[in-house]
PDB file of N, CA and C in Angstrom:
ATOM      1  N   UNK A   1      11.912  32.051 -71.261  1.00  0.00           N
ATOM      2  CA  UNK A   1      10.845  32.668 -71.971  1.00  0.00           C
ATOM      3  C   UNK A   1       9.553  32.955 -71.017  1.00  0.00           C
ATOM      4  N   UNK A   2       9.812  34.561 -70.953  1.00  0.00           N
ATOM      5  CA  UNK A   2       8.844  34.722 -69.682  1.00  0.00           C
ATOM      6  C   UNK A   2       7.368  35.198 -70.984  1.00  0.00           C
ATOM      7  N   UNK A   3       6.526  35.089 -70.516  1.00  0.00           N
ATOM      8  CA  UNK A   3       5.239  35.398 -70.899  1.00  0.00           C
ATOM      9  C   UNK A   3       4.462  36.213 -70.070  1.00  0.00           C
ATOM     10  N   UNK A   4       3.535  37.333 -70.431  1.00  0.00           N
ATOM     11  CA  UNK A   4       3.022  37.858 -69.393  1.00  0.00           C
ATOM     12  C   UNK A   4       1.201  38.185 -70.043  1.00  0.00           C
ATOM     13  N   UNK A   5       0.723  38.374 -69.442  1.00  0.00           N
ATOM     14  CA  UNK A   5      -0.910  38.234 -69.749  1.00  0.00           C
ATOM     15  C   UNK A   5      -1.027  39.718 -69.379  1.00  0.00           C
ATOM     16  N   UNK A   6      -1.909  40.688 -70.176  1.00  0.00           N
ATOM     17  CA  UNK A   6      -2.824  41.977 -69.917  1.00  0.00           C
ATOM     18  C   UNK A   6      -4.007  41.794 -70.254  1.00  0.00           C
ATOM     19  N   UNK A   7      -4.720  42.972 -69.247  1.00  0.00           N
ATOM     20  CA  UNK A   7      -6.170  43.612 -70.035  1.00  0.00           C
ATOM     21  C   UNK A   7      -6.167  43.912 -71.261  1.00  0.00           C
ATOM     22  N   UNK A   8      -7.341  43.494 -71.813  1.00  0.00           N
ATOM     23  CA  UNK A   8      -7.711  44.666 -73.128  1.00  0.00           C
ATOM     24  C   UNK A   8      -8.642  45.189 -72.520  1.00  0.00           C
ATOM     25  N   UNK A   9      -9.198  46.086 -71.078  1.00  0.00           N
ATOM     26  CA  UNK A   9      -9.818  47.207 -70.953  1.00  0.00           C
ATOM     27  C   UNK A   9      -8.631  48.065 -70.339  1.00  0.00           C
ATOM     28  N   UNK A  10      -9.346  49.478 -70.251  1.00  0.00           N
ATOM     29  CA  UNK A  10      -8.759  50.620 -70.070  1.00  0.00           C
ATOM     30  C   UNK A  10      -8.774  50.320 -68.492  1.00  0.00           C
ATOM     31  N   UNK A  11      -9.472  49.924 -67.986  1.00  0.00           N
ATOM     32  CA  UNK A  11      -9.990  49.978 -66.096  1.00  0.00           C
ATOM     33  C   UNK A  11      -9.907  48.659 -65.941  1.00  0.00           C
ATOM     34  N   UNK A  12      -9.132  47.552 -66.081  1.00  0.00           N
ATOM     35  CA  UNK A  12      -9.180  46.284 -66.025  1.00  0.00           C
ATOM     36  C   UNK A  12      -7.645  45.704 -65.595  1.00  0.00           C
ATOM     37  N   UNK A  13      -8.002  44.820 -64.220  1.00  0.00           N
ATOM     38  CA  UNK A  13      -6.928  43.940 -63.253  1.00  0.00           C
ATOM     39  C   UNK A  13      -6.938  43.152 -63.683  1.00  0.00           C
ATOM     40  N   UNK A  14      -5.602  42.132 -63.857  1.00  0.00           N
ATOM     41  CA  UNK A  14      -5.703  40.623 -64.055  1.00  0.00           C
ATOM     42  C   UNK A  14      -5.835  39.794 -62.417  1.00  0.00           C
ATOM     43  N   UNK A  15      -6.807  39.387 -62.511  1.00  0.00           N
ATOM     44  CA  UNK A  15      -6.862  38.061 -61.654  1.00  0.00           C
ATOM     45  C   UNK A  15      -6.730  36.363 -62.317  1.00  0.00           C
ATOM     46  N   UNK A  16      -5.992  35.626 -62.281  1.00  0.00           N
ATOM     47  CA  UNK A  16      -5.623  34.703 -62.915  1.00  0.00           C
ATOM     48  C   UNK A  16      -6.107  33.626 -61.271  1.00  0.00           C
ATOM     49  N   UNK A  17      -6.685  33.635 -60.083  1.00  0.00           N
ATOM     50  CA  UNK A  17      -7.468  33.155 -59.095  1.00  0.00           C
ATOM     51  C   UNK A  17      -8.852  32.802 -59.434  1.00  0.00           C
ATOM     52  N   UNK A  18      -9.020  32.956 -60.580  1.00  0.00           N
ATOM     53  CA  UNK A  18     -10.623  33.508 -60.328  1.00  0.00           C
ATOM     54  C   UNK A  18     -11.505  31.760 -60.956  1.00  0.00           C
ATOM     55  N   UNK A  19     -10.847  31.565 -62.144  1.00  0.00           N
ATOM     56  CA  UNK A  19     -11.323  30.483 -63.033  1.00  0.00           C
ATOM     57  C   UNK A  19      -9.684  29.447 -62.962  1.00  0.00           C
ATOM     58  N   UNK A  20     -10.478  28.411 -63.587  1.00  0.00           N
ATOM     59  CA  UNK A  20      -9.801  26.810 -63.786  1.00  0.00           C
ATOM     60  C   UNK A  20      -8.510  27.530 -64.920  1.00  0.00           C
ATOM     61  N   UNK A  21      -9.165  28.083 -65.853  1.00  0.00           N
ATOM     62  CA  UNK A  21      -7.795  28.460 -66.853  1.00  0.00           C
ATOM     63  C   UNK A  21      -6.777  29.182 -66.256  1.00  0.00           C
ATOM     64  N   UNK A  22      -7.249  30.422 -65.810  1.00  0.00           N
ATOM     65  CA  UNK A  22      -6.075  31.173 -64.744  1.00  0.00           C
ATOM     66  C   UNK A  22      -5.236  30.687 -63.921  1.00  0.00           C
ATOM     67  N   UNK A  23      -5.874  29.825 -63.291  1.00  0.00           N
ATOM     68  CA  UNK A  23      -4.598  28.953 -62.261  1.00  0.00           C
ATOM     69  C   UNK A  23      -3.893  28.059 -62.911  1.00  0.00           C
ATOM     70  N   UNK A  24      -4.115  27.488 -64.282  1.00  0.00           N
ATOM     71  CA  UNK A  24      -3.411  27.382 -64.805  1.00  0.00           C
ATOM     72  C   UNK A  24      -2.330  27.626 -65.437  1.00  0.00           C
ATOM     73  N   UNK A  25      -2.775  28.320 -65.825  1.00  0.00           N
ATOM     74  CA  UNK A  25      -1.683  29.526 -66.677  1.00  0.00           C
ATOM     75  C   UNK A  25      -0.696  30.219 -65.731  1.00  0.00           C
ATOM     76  N   UNK A  26      -0.820  30.073 -64.327  1.00  0.00           N
ATOM     77  CA  UNK A  26      -0.226  30.723 -63.038  1.00  0.00           C
ATOM     78  C   UNK A  26       0.786  29.284 -62.920  1.00  0.00           C
ATOM     79  N   UNK A  27       0.325  28.435 -63.052  1.00  0.00           N
ATOM     80  CA  UNK A  27       0.971  27.319 -63.038  1.00  0.00           C
ATOM     81  C   UNK A  27       2.059  27.019 -63.756  1.00  0.00           C
ATOM     82  N   UNK A  28       1.685  27.846 -65.134  1.00  0.00           N
ATOM     83  CA  UNK A  28       2.665  27.736 -66.226  1.00  0.00           C
ATOM     84  C   UNK A  28       3.773  28.753 -66.017  1.00  0.00           C
ATOM     85  N   UNK A  29       3.534  29.455 -65.062  1.00  0.00           N
ATOM     86  CA  UNK A  29       4.338  30.935 -64.693  1.00  0.00           C
ATOM     87  C   UNK A  29       4.157  31.842 -65.467  1.00  0.00           C
ATOM     88  N   UNK A  30       2.807  32.047 -66.177  1.00  0.00           N
ATOM     89  CA  UNK A  30       2.442  33.079 -67.026  1.00  0.00           C
ATOM     90  C   UNK A  30       2.730  34.363 -66.313  1.00  0.00           C
ATOM     91  N   UNK A  31       3.220  35.497 -66.070  1.00  0.00           N
ATOM     92  CA  UNK A  31       3.176  36.814 -65.140  1.00  0.00           C
ATOM     93  C   UNK A  31       2.128  37.683 -65.610  1.00  0.00           C
ATOM     94  N   UNK A  32       1.756  38.996 -64.586  1.00  0.00           N
ATOM     95  CA  UNK A  32       0.811  39.307 -64.833  1.00  0.00           C
ATOM     96  C   UNK A  32      -0.273  39.652 -64.285  1.00  0.00           C
ATOM     97  N   UNK A  33      -0.318  38.581 -63.015  1.00  0.00           N
ATOM     98  CA  UNK A  33      -1.508  38.657 -61.756  1.00  0.00           C
ATOM     99  C   UNK A  33      -1.694  39.552 -61.310  1.00  0.00           C
ATOM    100  N   UNK A  34      -2.847  40.353 -60.757  1.00  0.00           N
ATOM    101  CA  UNK A  34      -3.084  41.306 -60.058  1.00  0.00           C
ATOM    102  C   UNK A  34      -2.502  42.634 -60.894  1.00  0.00           C
ATOM    103  N   UNK A  35      -2.245  43.006 -62.035  1.00  0.00           N
ATOM    104  CA  UNK A  35      -1.549  44.172 -62.608  1.00  0.00           C
ATOM    105  C   UNK A  35      -2.966  44.679 -63.065  1.00  0.00           C
ATOM    106  N   UNK A  36      -2.887  45.719 -63.682  1.00  0.00           N
ATOM    107  CA  UNK A  36      -3.580  46.701 -64.072  1.00  0.00           C
ATOM    108  C   UNK A  36      -3.038  47.871 -65.634  1.00  0.00           C
ATOM    109  N   UNK A  37      -2.284  46.914 -65.942  1.00  0.00           N
ATOM    110  CA  UNK A  37      -1.268  48.077 -67.195  1.00  0.00           C
ATOM    111  C   UNK A  37      -1.640  47.281 -68.575  1.00  0.00           C
ATOM    112  N   UNK A  38      -1.602  48.443 -69.555  1.00  0.00           N
ATOM    113  CA  UNK A  38      -2.299  48.159 -70.599  1.00  0.00           C
ATOM    114  C   UNK A  38      -1.199  47.244 -71.670  1.00  0.00           C
ATOM    115  N   UNK A  39      -1.420  46.606 -72.668  1.00  0.00           N
ATOM    116  CA  UNK A  39      -0.527  45.842 -73.088  1.00  0.00           C
ATOM    117  C   UNK A  39       0.795  46.931 -73.806  1.00  0.00           C
ATOM    118  N   UNK A  40       0.526  48.098 -73.987  1.00  0.00           N
ATOM    119  CA  UNK A  40       1.836  48.604 -74.495  1.00  0.00           C
ATOM    120  C   UNK A  40       2.332  48.944 -73.359  1.00  0.00           C
ATOM    121  N   UNK A  41       2.333  49.370 -72.072  1.00  0.00           N
ATOM    122  CA  UNK A  41       2.647  48.810 -70.822  1.00  0.00           C
ATOM    123  C   UNK A  41       3.876  47.688 -70.542  1.00  0.00           C
ATOM    124  N   UNK A  42       2.804  47.169 -70.663  1.00  0.00           N
ATOM    125  CA  UNK A  42       3.514  45.334 -70.365  1.00  0.00           C
ATOM    126  C   UNK A  42       4.525  45.362 -71.244  1.00  0.00           C
ATOM    127  N   UNK A  43       4.461  45.624 -72.178  1.00  0.00           N
ATOM    128  CA  UNK A  43       5.494  45.764 -73.647  1.00  0.00           C
ATOM    129  C   UNK A  43       6.599  46.100 -73.117  1.00  0.00           C
ATOM    130  N   UNK A  44       6.430  47.383 -73.257  1.00  0.00           N
ATOM    131  CA  UNK A  44       7.212  47.933 -73.102  1.00  0.00           C
ATOM    132  C   UNK A  44       8.564  47.881 -71.702  1.00  0.00           C
ATOM    133  N   UNK A  45       7.370  47.823 -70.460  1.00  0.00           N
ATOM    134  CA  UNK A  45       8.141  47.297 -69.650  1.00  0.00           C
ATOM    135  C   UNK A  45       8.933  45.965 -69.515  1.00  0.00           C
ATOM    136  N   UNK A  46       8.637  44.722 -69.877  1.00  0.00           N
ATOM    137  CA  UNK A  46       9.255  43.582 -70.007  1.00  0.00           C
ATOM    138  C   UNK A  46      10.215  43.955 -71.283  1.00  0.00           C
ATOM    139  N   UNK A  47      10.431  44.823 -72.022  1.00  0.00           N
ATOM    140  CA  UNK A  47      11.664  44.821 -72.947  1.00  0.00           C
ATOM    141  C   UNK A  47      12.582  45.546 -71.990  1.00  0.00           C
ATOM    142  N   UNK A  48      12.211  46.460 -71.202  1.00  0.00           N
ATOM    143  CA  UNK A  48      12.933  47.425 -70.266  1.00  0.00           C
ATOM    144  C   UNK A  48      13.643  46.251 -69.482  1.00  0.00           C
ATOM    145  N   UNK A  49      12.994  45.848 -68.896  1.00  0.00           N
ATOM    146  CA  UNK A  49      13.560  44.660 -67.666  1.00  0.00           C
ATOM    147  C   UNK A  49      14.258  43.884 -68.136  1.00  0.00           C
ATOM    148  N   UNK A  50      13.941  43.386 -69.281  1.00  0.00           N
ATOM    149  CA  UNK A  50      14.851  41.891 -70.029  1.00  0.00           C
ATOM    150  C   UNK A  50      16.077  42.982 -70.635  1.00  0.00           C
ATOM    151  N   UNK A  51      16.179  43.622 -70.821  1.00  0.00           N
ATOM    152  CA  UNK A  51      17.562  44.298 -70.887  1.00  0.00           C
ATOM    153  C   UNK A  51      18.612  45.216 -70.432  1.00  0.00           C
ATOM    154  N   UNK A  52      17.929  44.804 -69.140  1.00  0.00           N
ATOM    155  CA  UNK A  52      18.637  45.645 -67.942  1.00  0.00           C
ATOM    156  C   UNK A  52      19.059  44.294 -67.149  1.00  0.00           C
ATOM    157  N   UNK A  53      18.163  43.807 -66.777  1.00  0.00           N
ATOM    158  CA  UNK A  53      18.206  42.333 -65.728  1.00  0.00           C
ATOM    159  C   UNK A  53      18.301  41.118 -66.171  1.00  0.00           C
ATOM    160  N   UNK A  54      18.746  40.300 -65.688  1.00  0.00           N
ATOM    161  CA  UNK A  54      18.572  38.673 -65.823  1.00  0.00           C
ATOM    162  C   UNK A  54      17.447  38.287 -65.586  1.00  0.00           C
ATOM    163  N   UNK A  55      17.334  37.159 -66.384  1.00  0.00           N
ATOM    164  CA  UNK A  55      15.125  36.699 -66.704  1.00  0.00           C
ATOM    165  C   UNK A  55      14.539  36.434 -65.220  1.00  0.00           C
ATOM    166  N   UNK A  56      15.577  35.808 -64.091  1.00  0.00           N
ATOM    167  CA  UNK A  56      15.128  35.614 -62.587  1.00  0.00           C
ATOM    168  C   UNK A  56      14.546  36.949 -62.368  1.00  0.00           C
ATOM    169  N   UNK A  57      15.576  37.874 -62.319  1.00  0.00           N
ATOM    170  CA  UNK A  57      15.793  39.540 -61.915  1.00  0.00           C
ATOM    171  C   UNK A  57      14.533  39.584 -62.220  1.00  0.00           C
ATOM    172  N   UNK A  58      13.975  40.011 -63.884  1.00  0.00           N
ATOM    173  CA  UNK A  58      13.493  40.429 -64.409  1.00  0.00           C
ATOM    174  C   UNK A  58      11.587  40.235 -64.517  1.00  0.00           C
ATOM    175  N   UNK A  59      11.728  38.924 -64.090  1.00  0.00           N
ATOM    176  CA  UNK A  59       9.802  38.067 -63.790  1.00  0.00           C
ATOM    177  C   UNK A  59       9.811  38.700 -62.164  1.00  0.00           C
ATOM    178  N   UNK A  60      10.761  38.567 -61.116  1.00  0.00           N
ATOM    179  CA  UNK A  60      10.506  39.216 -60.091  1.00  0.00           C
ATOM    180  C   UNK A  60       9.956  40.948 -59.973  1.00  0.00           C
ATOM    181  N   UNK A  61      10.542  41.323 -60.718  1.00  0.00           N
ATOM    182  CA  UNK A  61      10.453  43.041 -61.191  1.00  0.00           C
ATOM    183  C   UNK A  61       9.223  43.809 -62.058  1.00  0.00           C
ATOM    184  N   UNK A  62       8.886  42.490 -62.596  1.00  0.00           N
ATOM    185  CA  UNK A  62       7.712  42.693 -63.461  1.00  0.00           C
ATOM    186  C   UNK A  62       6.124  43.278 -62.810  1.00  0.00           C
ATOM    187  N   UNK A  63       5.863  42.542 -61.446  1.00  0.00           N
ATOM    188  CA  UNK A  63       4.672  42.630 -61.054  1.00  0.00           C
ATOM    189  C   UNK A  63       4.505  44.125 -59.997  1.00  0.00           C
ATOM    190  N   UNK A  64       6.271  44.230 -59.634  1.00  0.00           N
ATOM    191  CA  UNK A  64       5.887  45.193 -59.003  1.00  0.00           C
ATOM    192  C   UNK A  64       6.304  46.854 -59.990  1.00  0.00           C
ATOM    193  N   UNK A  65       5.544  47.699 -58.919  1.00  0.00           N
ATOM    194  CA  UNK A  65       4.972  48.745 -59.371  1.00  0.00           C
ATOM    195  C   UNK A  65       6.654  49.689 -59.568  1.00  0.00           C
ATOM    196  N   UNK A  66       7.457  49.859 -60.677  1.00  0.00           N
ATOM    197  CA  UNK A  66       8.452  50.202 -60.542  1.00  0.00           C
ATOM    198  C   UNK A  66       8.144  52.186 -60.475  1.00  0.00           C
ATOM    199  N   UNK A  67       7.424  52.749 -62.102  1.00  0.00           N
ATOM    200  CA  UNK A  67       7.567  54.120 -62.042  1.00  0.00           C
ATOM    201  C   UNK A  67       5.911  54.512 -62.043  1.00  0.00           C
ATOM    202  N   UNK A  68       4.978  54.149 -61.610  1.00  0.00           N
ATOM    203  CA  UNK A  68       3.516  54.187 -61.754  1.00  0.00           C
ATOM    204  C   UNK A  68       2.502  53.480 -62.553  1.00  0.00           C
ATOM    205  N   UNK A  69       3.187  52.379 -63.224  1.00  0.00           N
ATOM    206  CA  UNK A  69       2.757  51.408 -64.148  1.00  0.00           C
ATOM    207  C   UNK A  69       1.424  50.684 -63.612  1.00  0.00           C
ATOM    208  N   UNK A  70       1.377  50.405 -62.408  1.00  0.00           N
ATOM    209  CA  UNK A  70       0.654  49.391 -61.223  1.00  0.00           C
ATOM    210  C   UNK A  70      -0.423  49.861 -60.846  1.00  0.00           C
ATOM    211  N   UNK A  71      -1.502  50.143 -60.689  1.00  0.00           N
ATOM    212  CA  UNK A  71      -2.144  51.124 -59.268  1.00  0.00           C
ATOM    213  C   UNK A  71      -1.942  50.224 -58.461  1.00  0.00           C
ATOM    214  N   UNK A  72      -2.353  50.990 -57.206  1.00  0.00           N
ATOM    215  CA  UNK A  72      -2.612  50.126 -56.002  1.00  0.00           C
ATOM    216  C   UNK A  72      -3.863  49.516 -55.908  1.00  0.00           C
ATOM    217  N   UNK A  73      -4.996  50.208 -56.273  1.00  0.00           N
ATOM    218  CA  UNK A  73      -6.418  49.744 -55.703  1.00  0.00           C
ATOM    219  C   UNK A  73      -6.771  50.330 -57.035  1.00  0.00           C
ATOM    220  N   UNK A  74      -7.974  49.299 -57.437  1.00  0.00           N
ATOM    221  CA  UNK A  74      -8.843  50.074 -58.757  1.00  0.00           C
ATOM    222  C   UNK A  74      -9.984  51.066 -58.050  1.00  0.00           C
ATOM    223  N   UNK A  75     -10.377  52.263 -58.298  1.00  0.00           N
ATOM    224  CA  UNK A  75     -10.955  52.980 -57.246  1.00  0.00           C
ATOM    225  C   UNK A  75     -12.589  52.782 -58.265  1.00  0.00           C
ATOM    226  N   UNK A  76     -13.978  52.800 -57.601  1.00  0.00           N
ATOM    227  CA  UNK A  76     -14.946  52.820 -58.321  1.00  0.00           C
ATOM    228  C   UNK A  76     -15.130  54.190 -59.293  1.00  0.00           C
ATOM    229  N   UNK A  77     -14.332  55.508 -58.849  1.00  0.00           N
ATOM    230  CA  UNK A  77     -14.716  56.497 -59.703  1.00  0.00           C
ATOM    231  C   UNK A  77     -14.066  56.796 -60.758  1.00  0.00           C
ATOM    232  N   UNK A  78     -13.155  55.534 -61.601  1.00  0.00           N
ATOM    233  CA  UNK A  78     -12.699  55.368 -62.721  1.00  0.00           C
ATOM    234  C   UNK A  78     -13.811  54.376 -63.465  1.00  0.00           C
ATOM    235  N   UNK A  79     -14.390  53.800 -63.238  1.00  0.00           N
ATOM    236  CA  UNK A  79     -15.266  53.008 -63.695  1.00  0.00           C
ATOM    237  C   UNK A  79     -16.676  53.956 -63.671  1.00  0.00           C
ATOM    238  N   UNK A  80     -16.551  54.908 -63.389  1.00  0.00           N
ATOM    239  CA  UNK A  80     -18.429  55.432 -63.351  1.00  0.00           C
ATOM    240  C   UNK A  80     -18.336  56.650 -64.632  1.00  0.00           C
ATOM    241  N   UNK A  81     -17.141  57.104 -65.393  1.00  0.00           N
ATOM    242  CA  UNK A  81     -17.284  57.799 -66.310  1.00  0.00           C
ATOM    243  C   UNK A  81     -18.141  58.052 -67.488  1.00  0.00           C
TER     244      UNK A  81
END
């Protein structure tokens, strides 16, 4: 089973390398590190990947930007709205 983590904020990026609980999640295989997808986008992306690819390939593709769902960078202008 694939498990993913997303942020609840509109402009939030996941970084599971900062604190021990995040590092433990990475060790367990939770996906989504360094992504900034909304929960709804991650849900649809995961559903699409699992219906079109085998589990291991879907796991590799989840962290890649396929259609603009993951930003390359989080620019400061987004936070000063």
